[in-house]
């Protein structure tokens, strides 16, 4: 007995956030991002998903020292799949496609991230015990399964 792919779809999610930095920044050095805790729920005609966009922000403070701040940003979305029914399984494959950021003030960072998610709707045979989750729920960027890296520009808010 095997697993049958019933339907597949691709959807994009836009995640926007303004983060308050714990200390004033002169510039952003880099931002690393991964997807965590990605899960799905199936209702008739839809696959609903949610996860956490985890970012590691490295920035230069007023003492010219590179410091770090982590942030978790929840996101969610859905995709219409006509054959979706409760009891089926979904497989989610996230891809961080784009990150942009702007230092609005020394303590305010605006970030925009585009996450692409491939959704597969699976039909499990009866009585088969399979835990329905995507292995290694991490984003893929340019063949690197671990992170998306955005480098800062050499600009200052002063």
C-alpha atoms as a PDB file:
ATOM      1  CA  UNK A   1       0.000   0.000   0.000  1.00  0.00           C
ATOM      2  CA  UNK A   2       1.320   3.400  -0.901  1.00  0.00           C
ATOM      3  CA  UNK A   3       0.551   7.039  -0.599  1.00  0.00           C
ATOM      4  CA  UNK A   4      -1.285   8.654  -3.501  1.00  0.00           C
ATOM      5  CA  UNK A   5      -0.857  12.316  -4.438  1.00  0.00           C
ATOM      6  CA  UNK A   6      -4.375  13.659  -4.936  1.00  0.00           C
ATOM      7  CA  UNK A   7      -3.547  17.261  -5.800  1.00  0.00           C
ATOM      8  CA  UNK A   8      -0.718  19.787  -5.698  1.00  0.00           C
ATOM      9  CA  UNK A   9      -0.638  23.568  -5.559  1.00  0.00           C
ATOM     10  CA  UNK A  10       1.771  26.402  -4.931  1.00  0.00           C
ATOM     11  CA  UNK A  11       0.949  29.506  -2.937  1.00  0.00           C
ATOM     12  CA  UNK A  12       2.888  32.562  -1.785  1.00  0.00           C
ATOM     13  CA  UNK A  13       2.595  34.263   1.585  1.00  0.00           C
ATOM     14  CA  UNK A  14       3.696  37.836   2.257  1.00  0.00           C
ATOM     15  CA  UNK A  15       4.990  38.359   5.804  1.00  0.00           C
ATOM     16  CA  UNK A  16       5.449  42.003   6.822  1.00  0.00           C
ATOM     17  CA  UNK A  17       6.609  43.122  10.233  1.00  0.00           C
ATOM     18  CA  UNK A  18       8.176  46.078  12.010  1.00  0.00           C
ATOM     19  CA  UNK A  19      10.594  45.004  14.723  1.00  0.00           C
ATOM     20  CA  UNK A  20      11.772  47.115  17.634  1.00  0.00           C
ATOM     21  CA  UNK A  21      15.490  46.567  18.133  1.00  0.00           C
ATOM     22  CA  UNK A  22      16.652  46.261  21.736  1.00  0.00           C
ATOM     23  CA  UNK A  23      19.485  48.768  21.153  1.00  0.00           C
ATOM     24  CA  UNK A  24      19.939  51.462  18.489  1.00  0.00           C
ATOM     25  CA  UNK A  25      21.475  50.293  15.216  1.00  0.00           C
ATOM     26  CA  UNK A  26      23.743  52.138  12.800  1.00  0.00           C
ATOM     27  CA  UNK A  27      23.182  49.544  10.071  1.00  0.00           C
ATOM     28  CA  UNK A  28      21.905  46.031   9.488  1.00  0.00           C
ATOM     29  CA  UNK A  29      24.723  43.600   8.758  1.00  0.00           C
ATOM     30  CA  UNK A  30      22.672  40.530   7.786  1.00  0.00           C
ATOM     31  CA  UNK A  31      19.435  38.693   8.401  1.00  0.00           C
ATOM     32  CA  UNK A  32      19.197  34.892   8.426  1.00  0.00           C
ATOM     33  CA  UNK A  33      15.800  33.254   8.176  1.00  0.00           C
ATOM     34  CA  UNK A  34      14.315  29.763   8.460  1.00  0.00           C
ATOM     35  CA  UNK A  35      10.796  28.340   8.600  1.00  0.00           C
ATOM     36  CA  UNK A  36       9.859  26.454  11.767  1.00  0.00           C
ATOM     37  CA  UNK A  37       6.819  24.587  13.130  1.00  0.00           C
ATOM     38  CA  UNK A  38       5.085  24.376   9.754  1.00  0.00           C
ATOM     39  CA  UNK A  39       1.804  22.467   9.988  1.00  0.00           C
ATOM     40  CA  UNK A  40      -1.426  22.081   8.082  1.00  0.00           C
ATOM     41  CA  UNK A  41      -5.106  21.431   8.636  1.00  0.00           C
ATOM     42  CA  UNK A  42      -7.476  20.159   5.965  1.00  0.00           C
ATOM     43  CA  UNK A  43     -11.103  21.204   5.651  1.00  0.00           C
ATOM     44  CA  UNK A  44     -13.406  20.541   2.699  1.00  0.00           C
ATOM     45  CA  UNK A  45     -11.910  22.260  -0.349  1.00  0.00           C
ATOM     46  CA  UNK A  46      -8.986  23.922   1.479  1.00  0.00           C
ATOM     47  CA  UNK A  47      -5.612  23.269   3.044  1.00  0.00           C
ATOM     48  CA  UNK A  48      -4.841  25.728   5.843  1.00  0.00           C
ATOM     49  CA  UNK A  49      -1.238  26.097   6.988  1.00  0.00           C
ATOM     50  CA  UNK A  50       0.651  28.030   9.616  1.00  0.00           C
ATOM     51  CA  UNK A  51       4.213  28.305  10.792  1.00  0.00           C
ATOM     52  CA  UNK A  52       6.892  30.510  12.288  1.00  0.00           C
ATOM     53  CA  UNK A  53       9.347  32.625  10.308  1.00  0.00           C
ATOM     54  CA  UNK A  54      12.411  32.671  12.571  1.00  0.00           C
ATOM     55  CA  UNK A  55      14.922  35.434  11.848  1.00  0.00           C
ATOM     56  CA  UNK A  56      18.361  36.111  13.259  1.00  0.00           C
ATOM     57  CA  UNK A  57      19.143  39.827  12.834  1.00  0.00           C
ATOM     58  CA  UNK A  58      22.783  40.914  13.038  1.00  0.00           C
ATOM     59  CA  UNK A  59      23.335  44.670  13.243  1.00  0.00           C
ATOM     60  CA  UNK A  60      25.992  47.222  14.160  1.00  0.00           C
ATOM     61  CA  UNK A  61      25.169  49.197  17.297  1.00  0.00           C
ATOM     62  CA  UNK A  62      26.271  52.716  18.217  1.00  0.00           C
ATOM     63  CA  UNK A  63      29.522  51.340  19.708  1.00  0.00           C
ATOM     64  CA  UNK A  64      30.381  49.777  16.304  1.00  0.00           C
ATOM     65  CA  UNK A  65      29.855  46.279  17.723  1.00  0.00           C
ATOM     66  CA  UNK A  66      27.870  43.647  15.821  1.00  0.00           C
ATOM     67  CA  UNK A  67      25.011  42.434  18.012  1.00  0.00           C
ATOM     68  CA  UNK A  68      22.265  39.895  17.454  1.00  0.00           C
ATOM     69  CA  UNK A  69      18.523  39.768  17.983  1.00  0.00           C
ATOM     70  CA  UNK A  70      16.254  36.826  17.233  1.00  0.00           C
ATOM     71  CA  UNK A  71      12.609  37.212  16.300  1.00  0.00           C
ATOM     72  CA  UNK A  72       9.772  34.769  15.604  1.00  0.00           C
ATOM     73  CA  UNK A  73       7.010  35.934  13.274  1.00  0.00           C
ATOM     74  CA  UNK A  74       3.903  33.735  12.983  1.00  0.00           C
ATOM     75  CA  UNK A  75       2.312  33.409   9.554  1.00  0.00           C
ATOM     76  CA  UNK A  76      -0.593  31.514   8.060  1.00  0.00           C
ATOM     77  CA  UNK A  77      -2.410  31.033   4.810  1.00  0.00           C
ATOM     78  CA  UNK A  78      -4.493  28.619   2.787  1.00  0.00           C
ATOM     79  CA  UNK A  79      -4.834  27.181  -0.658  1.00  0.00           C
ATOM     80  CA  UNK A  80      -8.029  26.053  -2.386  1.00  0.00           C
ATOM     81  CA  UNK A  81      -7.836  22.399  -3.431  1.00  0.00           C
ATOM     82  CA  UNK A  82     -11.208  21.069  -4.569  1.00  0.00           C
ATOM     83  CA  UNK A  83     -10.512  17.423  -3.629  1.00  0.00           C
ATOM     84  CA  UNK A  84      -9.410  18.321  -0.062  1.00  0.00           C
ATOM     85  CA  UNK A  85     -11.304  16.409   2.629  1.00  0.00           C
ATOM     86  CA  UNK A  86     -10.635  15.887   6.347  1.00  0.00           C
ATOM     87  CA  UNK A  87      -8.739  12.655   6.918  1.00  0.00           C
ATOM     88  CA  UNK A  88      -6.322  13.266   4.094  1.00  0.00           C
ATOM     89  CA  UNK A  89      -2.746  14.302   4.692  1.00  0.00           C
ATOM     90  CA  UNK A  90      -0.798  17.281   3.429  1.00  0.00           C
ATOM     91  CA  UNK A  91       2.878  17.739   2.766  1.00  0.00           C
ATOM     92  CA  UNK A  92       4.273  21.275   2.859  1.00  0.00           C
ATOM     93  CA  UNK A  93       7.569  22.407   1.335  1.00  0.00           C
ATOM     94  CA  UNK A  94       8.462  26.038   2.133  1.00  0.00           C
ATOM     95  CA  UNK A  95      10.860  28.223   0.154  1.00  0.00           C
ATOM     96  CA  UNK A  96      11.906  31.676   1.342  1.00  0.00           C
ATOM     97  CA  UNK A  97      11.917  33.521  -1.957  1.00  0.00           C
ATOM     98  CA  UNK A  98      12.718  37.073  -0.924  1.00  0.00           C
ATOM     99  CA  UNK A  99      13.592  39.228   2.082  1.00  0.00           C
ATOM    100  CA  UNK A 100      13.817  42.997   2.047  1.00  0.00           C
ATOM    101  CA  UNK A 101      14.369  45.288   5.001  1.00  0.00           C
ATOM    102  CA  UNK A 102      14.699  48.950   5.837  1.00  0.00           C
ATOM    103  CA  UNK A 103      16.009  50.548   8.988  1.00  0.00           C
ATOM    104  CA  UNK A 104      13.301  53.150   9.640  1.00  0.00           C
ATOM    105  CA  UNK A 105      14.999  54.578  12.726  1.00  0.00           C
ATOM    106  CA  UNK A 106      17.851  53.424  14.950  1.00  0.00           C
ATOM    107  CA  UNK A 107      15.441  51.101  16.805  1.00  0.00           C
ATOM    108  CA  UNK A 108      12.808  50.291  14.164  1.00  0.00           C
ATOM    109  CA  UNK A 109      13.373  47.715  11.418  1.00  0.00           C
ATOM    110  CA  UNK A 110      10.762  47.044   8.728  1.00  0.00           C
ATOM    111  CA  UNK A 111      10.961  43.626   7.062  1.00  0.00           C
ATOM    112  CA  UNK A 112       9.116  42.098   4.127  1.00  0.00           C
ATOM    113  CA  UNK A 113       9.443  38.387   3.343  1.00  0.00           C
ATOM    114  CA  UNK A 114       7.893  36.296   0.573  1.00  0.00           C
ATOM    115  CA  UNK A 115       7.476  32.607   1.368  1.00  0.00           C
ATOM    116  CA  UNK A 116       6.492  30.155  -1.346  1.00  0.00           C
ATOM    117  CA  UNK A 117       4.805  26.973  -0.149  1.00  0.00           C
ATOM    118  CA  UNK A 118       4.299  23.854  -2.222  1.00  0.00           C
ATOM    119  CA  UNK A 119       1.272  21.962  -0.962  1.00  0.00           C
ATOM    120  CA  UNK A 120       0.683  18.289  -1.732  1.00  0.00           C
ATOM    121  CA  UNK A 121      -2.588  16.675  -0.761  1.00  0.00           C
ATOM    122  CA  UNK A 122      -2.094  12.999   0.026  1.00  0.00           C
ATOM    123  CA  UNK A 123      -4.535  10.120   0.398  1.00  0.00           C
ATOM    124  CA  UNK A 124      -3.413   7.558   2.940  1.00  0.00           C
ATOM    125  CA  UNK A 125      -4.516   3.940   2.680  1.00  0.00           C
ATOM    126  CA  UNK A 126      -6.910   2.810   5.420  1.00  0.00           C
ATOM    127  CA  UNK A 127      -5.373   1.616   8.696  1.00  0.00           C
ATOM    128  CA  UNK A 128      -1.908   2.838   7.836  1.00  0.00           C
ATOM    129  CA  UNK A 129      -0.220   4.773  10.631  1.00  0.00           C
ATOM    130  CA  UNK A 130       1.704   7.635   9.106  1.00  0.00           C
ATOM    131  CA  UNK A 131       2.531  10.851  10.896  1.00  0.00           C
ATOM    132  CA  UNK A 132       1.637  13.541   8.369  1.00  0.00           C
ATOM    133  CA  UNK A 133       4.339  16.153   8.505  1.00  0.00           C
ATOM    134  CA  UNK A 134       6.970  17.491   6.186  1.00  0.00           C
ATOM    135  CA  UNK A 135      10.432  16.252   7.161  1.00  0.00           C
ATOM    136  CA  UNK A 136      12.856  19.038   7.995  1.00  0.00           C
ATOM    137  CA  UNK A 137      10.366  21.902   7.853  1.00  0.00           C
ATOM    138  CA  UNK A 138      13.057  24.307   6.811  1.00  0.00           C
ATOM    139  CA  UNK A 139      13.062  26.668   3.918  1.00  0.00           C
ATOM    140  CA  UNK A 140      15.186  26.105   0.857  1.00  0.00           C
ATOM    141  CA  UNK A 141      17.038  28.986  -0.762  1.00  0.00           C
ATOM    142  CA  UNK A 142      19.354  28.431  -3.714  1.00  0.00           C
ATOM    143  CA  UNK A 143      19.749  24.732  -2.791  1.00  0.00           C
ATOM    144  CA  UNK A 144      20.609  25.555   0.834  1.00  0.00           C
ATOM    145  CA  UNK A 145      18.055  23.866   3.090  1.00  0.00           C
ATOM    146  CA  UNK A 146      19.112  25.751   6.186  1.00  0.00           C
ATOM    147  CA  UNK A 147      18.586  29.440   5.718  1.00  0.00           C
ATOM    148  CA  UNK A 148      17.906  32.522   3.668  1.00  0.00           C
ATOM    149  CA  UNK A 149      20.565  35.180   4.070  1.00  0.00           C
ATOM    150  CA  UNK A 150      19.938  38.873   3.379  1.00  0.00           C
ATOM    151  CA  UNK A 151      22.923  41.203   3.526  1.00  0.00           C
ATOM    152  CA  UNK A 152      22.660  44.825   4.608  1.00  0.00           C
ATOM    153  CA  UNK A 153      23.637  47.885   2.653  1.00  0.00           C
ATOM    154  CA  UNK A 154      26.360  50.194   3.931  1.00  0.00           C
ATOM    155  CA  UNK A 155      23.942  52.957   4.884  1.00  0.00           C
ATOM    156  CA  UNK A 156      23.239  54.659   8.162  1.00  0.00           C
ATOM    157  CA  UNK A 157      20.135  56.231   9.654  1.00  0.00           C
ATOM    158  CA  UNK A 158      22.164  59.182  10.933  1.00  0.00           C
END
